[in-house]
N, C-alpha and C. Protein backbone atom coordinates (compact mmCIF):
# COMPACT_ATOMS: atom_id res chain seq x y z
N MET A 1 25.43 14.86 -3.72
CA MET A 1 24.30 14.28 -3.06
C MET A 1 23.82 13.08 -3.87
N ASN A 2 23.54 11.97 -3.21
CA ASN A 2 23.07 10.77 -3.88
C ASN A 2 21.55 10.79 -3.96
N ALA A 3 21.04 10.70 -5.17
CA ALA A 3 19.60 10.67 -5.35
C ALA A 3 19.13 9.22 -5.41
N ILE A 4 17.99 8.96 -4.85
CA ILE A 4 17.41 7.63 -4.89
C ILE A 4 16.77 7.44 -6.26
N GLN A 5 17.15 6.39 -6.94
CA GLN A 5 16.58 6.07 -8.24
C GLN A 5 15.62 4.91 -8.08
N PRO A 6 14.43 5.00 -8.66
CA PRO A 6 13.50 3.88 -8.59
C PRO A 6 14.12 2.65 -9.27
N ARG A 7 13.77 1.49 -8.77
CA ARG A 7 14.24 0.25 -9.39
C ARG A 7 13.45 0.01 -10.66
N GLY A 8 13.97 -0.82 -11.52
CA GLY A 8 13.39 -1.07 -12.83
C GLY A 8 11.87 -1.05 -12.87
N GLY A 9 11.33 -0.09 -13.55
CA GLY A 9 9.89 -0.01 -13.75
C GLY A 9 9.11 0.59 -12.60
N GLU A 10 9.75 0.82 -11.47
CA GLU A 10 9.05 1.41 -10.32
C GLU A 10 8.78 2.88 -10.55
N GLY A 11 7.63 3.31 -10.09
CA GLY A 11 7.36 4.74 -10.06
C GLY A 11 7.80 5.29 -8.71
N VAL A 12 7.49 6.52 -8.47
CA VAL A 12 7.83 7.14 -7.20
C VAL A 12 6.56 7.67 -6.57
N ALA A 13 6.31 7.31 -5.32
CA ALA A 13 5.15 7.80 -4.58
C ALA A 13 5.63 8.86 -3.59
N GLN A 14 4.92 9.94 -3.52
CA GLN A 14 5.26 10.99 -2.56
C GLN A 14 4.35 10.82 -1.34
N VAL A 15 4.95 10.76 -0.15
CA VAL A 15 4.19 10.60 1.09
C VAL A 15 4.62 11.67 2.08
N SER A 16 3.74 11.94 3.01
CA SER A 16 4.04 12.89 4.08
C SER A 16 4.07 12.10 5.39
N VAL A 17 5.13 12.30 6.16
CA VAL A 17 5.31 11.57 7.42
C VAL A 17 5.51 12.57 8.55
N ARG A 18 4.83 12.34 9.64
CA ARG A 18 5.02 13.18 10.83
C ARG A 18 6.07 12.53 11.72
N LEU A 19 7.09 13.30 12.07
CA LEU A 19 8.16 12.81 12.94
C LEU A 19 8.24 13.68 14.18
N PRO A 20 8.59 13.08 15.32
CA PRO A 20 8.87 13.91 16.48
C PRO A 20 10.02 14.87 16.14
N VAL A 21 9.97 16.06 16.68
CA VAL A 21 10.96 17.10 16.37
C VAL A 21 12.39 16.59 16.62
N GLY A 22 12.59 15.91 17.72
CA GLY A 22 13.93 15.42 18.04
C GLY A 22 14.43 14.38 17.05
N LEU A 23 13.54 13.50 16.59
CA LEU A 23 13.92 12.50 15.60
C LEU A 23 14.25 13.17 14.28
N HIS A 24 13.46 14.14 13.88
CA HIS A 24 13.73 14.86 12.63
C HIS A 24 15.10 15.54 12.70
N ALA A 25 15.41 16.15 13.83
CA ALA A 25 16.71 16.82 13.99
C ALA A 25 17.85 15.82 13.89
N ALA A 26 17.67 14.64 14.48
CA ALA A 26 18.72 13.62 14.43
C ALA A 26 18.90 13.08 13.01
N VAL A 27 17.79 12.86 12.32
CA VAL A 27 17.87 12.38 10.93
C VAL A 27 18.52 13.43 10.05
N LYS A 28 18.13 14.68 10.23
CA LYS A 28 18.71 15.77 9.43
C LYS A 28 20.21 15.88 9.67
N ALA A 29 20.64 15.79 10.92
CA ALA A 29 22.07 15.86 11.24
C ALA A 29 22.83 14.70 10.63
N GLU A 30 22.27 13.51 10.71
CA GLU A 30 22.92 12.32 10.12
C GLU A 30 23.02 12.45 8.61
N ALA A 31 21.95 12.91 7.99
CA ALA A 31 21.96 13.10 6.53
C ALA A 31 23.03 14.11 6.13
N GLN A 32 23.12 15.21 6.85
CA GLN A 32 24.13 16.23 6.55
C GLN A 32 25.53 15.66 6.72
N ALA A 33 25.74 14.88 7.77
CA ALA A 33 27.06 14.29 8.01
C ALA A 33 27.46 13.34 6.89
N ARG A 34 26.47 12.70 6.26
CA ARG A 34 26.75 11.76 5.17
C ARG A 34 26.74 12.43 3.80
N GLY A 35 26.37 13.70 3.77
CA GLY A 35 26.27 14.40 2.48
C GLY A 35 25.07 13.95 1.67
N GLN A 36 24.00 13.57 2.36
CA GLN A 36 22.78 13.09 1.72
C GLN A 36 21.62 13.98 2.10
N SER A 37 20.54 13.82 1.37
CA SER A 37 19.31 14.50 1.76
C SER A 37 18.61 13.67 2.82
N VAL A 38 17.71 14.30 3.55
CA VAL A 38 16.90 13.58 4.53
C VAL A 38 16.11 12.49 3.82
N ASN A 39 15.55 12.82 2.66
CA ASN A 39 14.77 11.85 1.90
C ASN A 39 15.61 10.62 1.55
N THR A 40 16.81 10.85 1.04
CA THR A 40 17.68 9.73 0.66
C THR A 40 18.00 8.85 1.85
N LEU A 41 18.33 9.45 2.97
CA LEU A 41 18.65 8.69 4.17
C LEU A 41 17.46 7.85 4.62
N ILE A 42 16.29 8.44 4.63
CA ILE A 42 15.09 7.72 5.07
C ILE A 42 14.76 6.58 4.10
N VAL A 43 14.80 6.85 2.80
CA VAL A 43 14.47 5.82 1.82
C VAL A 43 15.47 4.67 1.89
N MET A 44 16.75 4.97 2.00
CA MET A 44 17.76 3.91 2.07
C MET A 44 17.55 3.04 3.31
N ASN A 45 17.27 3.66 4.44
CA ASN A 45 17.06 2.89 5.67
C ASN A 45 15.77 2.09 5.64
N LEU A 46 14.71 2.65 5.09
CA LEU A 46 13.45 1.90 4.96
C LEU A 46 13.63 0.71 4.03
N ARG A 47 14.28 0.94 2.91
CA ARG A 47 14.51 -0.14 1.94
C ARG A 47 15.31 -1.26 2.58
N LYS A 48 16.38 -0.90 3.29
CA LYS A 48 17.23 -1.90 3.94
C LYS A 48 16.42 -2.72 4.96
N GLU A 49 15.60 -2.05 5.75
CA GLU A 49 14.80 -2.75 6.77
C GLU A 49 13.75 -3.64 6.12
N VAL A 50 13.08 -3.17 5.11
CA VAL A 50 12.05 -3.97 4.44
C VAL A 50 12.68 -5.20 3.78
N GLU A 51 13.81 -5.02 3.12
CA GLU A 51 14.48 -6.15 2.48
C GLU A 51 14.97 -7.16 3.51
N ALA A 52 15.49 -6.70 4.63
CA ALA A 52 15.96 -7.61 5.69
C ALA A 52 14.79 -8.38 6.28
N THR A 53 13.66 -7.72 6.47
CA THR A 53 12.49 -8.38 7.03
C THR A 53 11.92 -9.40 6.04
N ALA A 54 11.95 -9.08 4.75
CA ALA A 54 11.43 -10.00 3.73
C ALA A 54 12.26 -11.27 3.62
N GLN A 55 13.52 -11.20 3.99
CA GLN A 55 14.41 -12.37 3.89
C GLN A 55 14.24 -13.33 5.06
N LYS A 56 13.48 -12.95 6.07
CA LYS A 56 13.31 -13.82 7.25
C LYS A 56 12.31 -14.91 6.97
């Protein structure tokens, strides 16, 4: 399993997010298929989206 490591000097914030049941099931299935945790999958996708948006 790939753990998300904070970037240089970053701390880690813990947040709680409410997801529709169907979306949670889809994310969980995708994470399992990739051999990742739900957290890792969500963080990787959020980071990718934020970085792509910042480059615009």
